[in-house]
Amino acid sequence: MLAQQRQALIESMVKEQGSLRVSDLSEQFNVSQETIRRDIDKLQEENAYISKIHGGVSYISDHVVPSAIRKNLLVEEKSQLAKKAVSLIKNGDVIFLDCSTTSLYIAQEIAKTEHQVTIISNSSQLCEYLKGSDIKLVMIGGTYCDDNNAFTGTLAIQMLTNFSAHKCFISCPSVSLEKGLYDNSEDEASIRKLMMDNAQQTILVVDYTKFDSFSLMKISNLDCIDVLLTDKLMSEQEKMFCCNQNIKIM
């Protein structure tokens, strides 16, 4: 099959289904994932309604990828990262969780343990994920964002200022070792930064697709995190860079 034919089929499929995963497309068309990523890059250049997202492609008019789509991408990767994240949690910890879909997986894993912890978050979805558990959940209110199922804005910032935590788990849209952590929204960047500032320890939980991708708003430099929890295969140079920043890699 010619690349042009394959791209036309991918475009038709994503319009119909809303989102597709690179891994699924790779298997369906019997080509490498790198080939599929090049197809998606080409489609994104030609069609303003097609957006490359972490681990896949989405058909949306405003390029804001809804949480409902993101939480079904890279499921296995997020599950494994969540299990590693929970290994860092101690009984009695107070924890900040951001509004990322990775945080939903972390919350699910915490609920499987016997840890008595308190979770502070602006993610409205955590109410559903933690229903019936013994975890104490403190919700940050504010202006509701439907795409991310989260509360942000001035009221959210004011509420969050009053809290502190032992650990903060952050999973931002984009990471650059040299430039730092980036977000798609100024409001969400502010929430994440405040969580980091108010926690004793910050753990960045990101899959391999988050590295060197593009997002608009800077959250912080990389030296603001204490632990980098990722499935990315780090080069020796990258490991040395993190070591020099006193960042533990897991």
Protein backbone atom coordinates (compact mmCIF):
# COMPACT_ATOMS: atom_id res chain seq x y z
CA MET A 1 0.00 0.00 0.00
CA LEU A 2 1.27 3.44 -0.92
CA ALA A 3 1.86 5.97 1.84
CA GLN A 4 -0.76 8.29 0.36
CA GLN A 5 -3.38 5.53 0.43
CA ARG A 6 -2.53 4.62 4.01
CA GLN A 7 -2.73 8.24 5.11
CA ALA A 8 -6.13 8.63 3.47
CA LEU A 9 -7.40 5.61 5.35
CA ILE A 10 -5.99 6.88 8.65
CA GLU A 11 -7.66 10.25 8.07
CA SER A 12 -11.00 8.57 7.39
CA MET A 13 -10.68 6.33 10.45
CA VAL A 14 -9.76 9.10 12.87
CA LYS A 15 -12.64 11.26 11.63
CA GLU A 16 -15.01 8.38 12.33
CA GLN A 17 -13.59 7.18 15.65
CA GLY A 18 -12.30 10.44 17.15
CA SER A 19 -8.91 9.08 18.15
CA LEU A 20 -6.53 6.24 17.26
CA ARG A 21 -3.42 4.76 18.82
CA VAL A 22 -0.13 4.53 16.95
CA SER A 23 0.40 0.95 18.13
CA ASP A 24 -2.99 -0.15 16.79
CA LEU A 25 -2.41 1.54 13.44
CA SER A 26 1.02 -0.04 13.18
CA GLU A 27 -0.46 -3.51 13.61
CA GLN A 28 -3.38 -2.86 11.29
CA PHE A 29 -1.25 -1.62 8.41
CA ASN A 30 1.71 -3.91 9.16
CA VAL A 31 4.22 -1.05 9.23
CA SER A 32 6.49 0.34 11.95
CA GLN A 33 5.24 2.81 14.55
CA GLU A 34 7.76 5.32 13.19
CA THR A 35 6.10 5.06 9.77
CA ILE A 36 2.70 5.73 11.35
CA ARG A 37 4.10 8.74 13.20
CA ARG A 38 5.37 10.16 9.90
CA ASP A 39 1.92 9.58 8.40
CA ILE A 40 0.35 11.47 11.29
CA ASP A 41 2.83 14.33 10.92
CA LYS A 42 1.89 14.59 7.25
CA LEU A 43 -1.84 14.55 8.00
CA GLN A 44 -1.43 17.19 10.70
CA GLU A 45 0.34 19.46 8.22
CA GLU A 46 -2.48 19.11 5.71
CA ASN A 47 -5.53 19.11 8.00
CA ALA A 48 -6.08 21.63 10.79
CA TYR A 49 -8.57 19.29 12.47
CA ILE A 50 -6.12 16.43 12.89
CA SER A 51 -3.91 16.70 15.96
CA LYS A 52 -0.94 14.55 16.94
CA ILE A 53 -1.31 13.54 20.58
CA HIS A 54 0.73 11.45 23.00
CA GLY A 55 0.71 7.92 21.61
CA GLY A 56 -1.77 8.57 18.86
CA VAL A 57 -3.81 10.96 16.76
CA SER A 58 -7.09 12.76 17.40
CA TYR A 59 -9.69 14.56 15.31
CA ILE A 60 -10.69 17.73 17.16
CA SER A 61 -11.35 21.26 16.05
CA ASP A 62 -9.59 23.18 18.82
CA HIS A 63 -6.54 20.90 19.34
CA VAL A 64 -7.39 20.46 23.03
CA VAL A 65 -7.32 16.72 23.62
CA PRO A 66 -10.13 15.75 26.01
CA SER A 67 -9.30 13.69 29.07
CA ALA A 68 -11.74 11.01 27.89
CA ILE A 69 -9.48 10.40 24.89
CA ARG A 70 -6.14 10.69 26.68
CA LYS A 71 -6.97 8.21 29.43
CA ASN A 72 -7.40 5.44 26.85
CA LEU A 73 -3.99 6.03 25.26
CA LEU A 74 -0.83 4.21 26.42
CA VAL A 75 -2.83 2.30 29.01
CA GLU A 76 -0.16 -0.31 29.75
CA GLU A 77 2.60 2.30 30.02
CA LYS A 78 0.59 4.45 32.42
CA SER A 79 -0.38 1.42 34.51
CA GLN A 80 3.24 0.37 34.96
CA LEU A 81 4.33 3.91 35.84
CA ALA A 82 1.50 4.18 38.35
CA LYS A 83 2.64 1.03 40.12
CA LYS A 84 6.16 2.45 40.43
CA ALA A 85 4.73 5.73 41.72
CA VAL A 86 2.76 3.98 44.46
CA SER A 87 5.94 2.24 45.64
CA LEU A 88 7.15 5.68 46.76
CA ILE A 89 4.08 6.36 48.92
CA LYS A 90 4.09 5.73 52.66
CA ASN A 91 1.20 5.22 55.03
CA GLY A 92 -0.02 8.60 56.28
CA ASP A 93 1.30 10.61 53.32
CA VAL A 94 -0.50 13.70 52.07
CA ILE A 95 -0.29 13.73 48.28
CA PHE A 96 -0.91 16.24 45.51
CA LEU A 97 -2.22 14.71 42.28
CA ASP A 98 -2.63 16.88 39.19
CA CYS A 99 -5.43 16.56 36.62
CA SER A 100 -3.47 14.30 34.26
CA THR A 101 -4.82 10.93 33.18
CA THR A 102 -1.66 9.38 34.63
CA SER A 103 -2.83 10.60 38.04
CA LEU A 104 -6.04 8.60 37.59
CA TYR A 105 -3.96 5.45 37.18
CA ILE A 106 -1.92 6.38 40.26
CA ALA A 107 -5.10 6.88 42.28
CA GLN A 108 -6.41 3.48 41.20
CA GLU A 109 -3.19 1.82 42.34
CA ILE A 110 -3.25 3.63 45.68
CA ALA A 111 -6.79 2.40 46.24
CA LYS A 112 -5.56 -1.20 45.88
CA THR A 113 -3.20 -0.77 48.83
CA GLU A 114 -3.97 -0.49 52.53
CA HIS A 115 -2.29 2.91 52.77
CA GLN A 116 -4.15 5.54 54.77
CA VAL A 117 -3.36 8.62 52.72
CA THR A 118 -4.86 12.00 51.89
CA ILE A 119 -5.05 13.08 48.26
CA ILE A 120 -5.44 16.75 47.31
CA SER A 121 -6.37 17.34 43.69
CA ASN A 122 -8.19 19.58 41.22
CA SER A 123 -9.28 16.57 39.12
CA SER A 124 -13.02 15.97 39.34
CA GLN A 125 -12.61 12.43 37.99
CA LEU A 126 -10.87 11.28 41.16
CA CYS A 127 -14.23 11.34 42.98
CA GLU A 128 -15.40 8.49 40.77
CA TYR A 129 -12.11 6.58 40.82
CA LEU A 130 -11.82 6.65 44.62
CA LYS A 131 -15.48 6.08 45.46
CA GLY A 132 -15.79 3.47 48.19
CA SER A 133 -12.10 3.56 49.15
CA ASP A 134 -10.64 4.55 52.53
CA ILE A 135 -8.62 7.35 50.96
CA LYS A 136 -9.35 10.86 52.16
CA LEU A 137 -9.91 13.08 49.11
CA VAL A 138 -9.70 16.87 49.30
CA MET A 139 -11.05 18.54 46.16
CA ILE A 140 -9.80 21.90 44.93
CA GLY A 141 -12.66 23.94 43.45
CA GLY A 142 -12.66 26.80 40.99
CA THR A 143 -13.52 27.27 37.32
CA TYR A 144 -14.42 23.95 35.72
CA CYS A 145 -12.67 22.86 32.51
CA ASP A 146 -14.67 20.18 30.72
CA ASP A 147 -11.82 19.01 28.46
CA ASN A 148 -9.65 18.05 31.43
CA ASN A 149 -12.38 17.40 34.00
CA ALA A 150 -10.53 19.75 36.32
CA PHE A 151 -10.87 22.97 38.31
CA THR A 152 -8.49 25.85 37.68
CA GLY A 153 -8.46 29.65 37.91
CA THR A 154 -8.10 32.19 40.72
CA LEU A 155 -10.31 30.35 43.22
CA ALA A 156 -8.41 27.10 42.67
CA ILE A 157 -5.10 28.89 43.24
CA GLN A 158 -6.41 30.53 46.42
CA MET A 159 -7.60 27.21 47.83
CA LEU A 160 -4.43 25.34 46.89
CA THR A 161 -2.26 27.97 48.59
CA ASN A 162 -3.64 26.79 51.94
CA PHE A 163 -2.40 23.21 51.54
CA SER A 164 0.94 21.45 51.74
CA ALA A 165 1.86 17.85 51.04
CA HIS A 166 4.58 15.26 51.56
CA LYS A 167 4.66 14.34 47.88
CA CYS A 168 3.50 15.84 44.60
CA PHE A 169 2.95 13.65 41.54
CA ILE A 170 3.03 15.61 38.29
CA SER A 171 2.51 14.38 34.73
CA CYS A 172 2.75 17.37 32.39
CA PRO A 173 2.21 17.29 28.60
CA SER A 174 5.81 18.03 27.60
CA VAL A 175 9.30 17.60 29.07
CA SER A 176 12.69 18.83 27.93
CA LEU A 177 15.71 18.00 30.05
CA GLU A 178 17.36 21.28 29.07
CA LYS A 179 14.32 23.59 29.02
CA GLY A 180 12.08 22.10 31.69
CA LEU A 181 8.41 21.16 32.12
CA TYR A 182 5.68 22.57 29.87
CA ASP A 183 1.89 22.69 29.83
CA ASN A 184 -0.82 23.40 27.27
CA SER A 185 -2.64 25.86 29.53
CA GLU A 186 -1.49 28.80 31.63
CA ASP A 187 -4.09 27.95 34.29
CA GLU A 188 -3.00 24.33 34.57
CA ALA A 189 0.66 25.32 34.55
CA SER A 190 -0.01 27.57 37.55
CA ILE A 191 -1.78 24.78 39.43
CA ARG A 192 1.02 22.30 38.81
CA LYS A 193 3.71 24.80 39.80
CA LEU A 194 1.95 25.63 43.06
CA MET A 195 1.56 21.94 43.90
CA MET A 196 5.29 21.50 43.32
CA ASP A 197 6.14 24.54 45.47
CA ASN A 198 3.93 23.34 48.34
CA ALA A 199 5.23 19.77 48.46
CA GLN A 200 8.28 18.39 50.25
CA GLN A 201 9.07 16.13 47.28
CA THR A 202 8.08 16.36 43.60
CA ILE A 203 7.87 13.22 41.45
CA LEU A 204 7.54 13.71 37.70
CA VAL A 205 5.70 10.73 36.16
CA VAL A 206 5.92 10.79 32.36
CA ASP A 207 5.93 8.20 29.60
CA TYR A 208 8.41 8.32 26.73
CA THR A 209 6.09 10.29 24.41
CA LYS A 210 6.25 13.39 26.63
CA PHE A 211 9.91 14.08 25.95
CA ASP A 212 10.75 16.87 23.51
CA SER A 213 7.13 17.32 22.41
CA PHE A 214 5.70 20.84 22.19
CA SER A 215 3.52 22.65 24.73
CA LEU A 216 3.00 26.38 25.12
CA MET A 217 3.44 27.34 28.78
CA LYS A 218 6.50 26.68 30.93
CA ILE A 219 5.85 25.25 34.38
CA SER A 220 9.36 25.11 35.78
CA ASN A 221 12.94 24.09 35.17
CA LEU A 222 13.81 20.44 35.55
CA ASP A 223 15.77 21.08 38.75
CA CYS A 224 12.46 21.67 40.56
CA ILE A 225 11.76 17.92 40.59
CA ASP A 226 13.30 15.32 42.88
CA VAL A 227 12.41 12.07 41.12
CA LEU A 228 11.94 11.34 37.41
CA LEU A 229 9.75 8.28 36.95
CA THR A 230 9.63 7.28 33.27
CA ASP A 231 9.70 4.39 30.81
CA LYS A 232 12.01 6.33 28.49
CA LEU A 233 15.33 4.66 27.79
CA MET A 234 17.70 7.34 29.01
CA SER A 235 21.07 7.81 27.35
CA GLU A 236 24.21 8.04 29.49
CA GLN A 237 24.33 11.76 28.74
CA GLU A 238 20.74 12.21 29.92
CA LYS A 239 21.43 10.20 33.05
CA MET A 240 24.45 12.36 33.82
CA PHE A 241 22.40 15.52 33.25
CA CYS A 242 19.80 14.37 35.79
CA CYS A 243 22.51 13.32 38.23
CA ASN A 244 24.01 16.79 38.06
CA GLN A 245 20.56 18.21 38.86
CA ASN A 246 20.24 15.85 41.87
CA ILE A 247 17.31 14.08 40.19
CA LYS A 248 16.77 10.39 40.89
CA ILE A 249 15.70 8.37 37.83
CA MET A 250 13.37 5.40 38.25
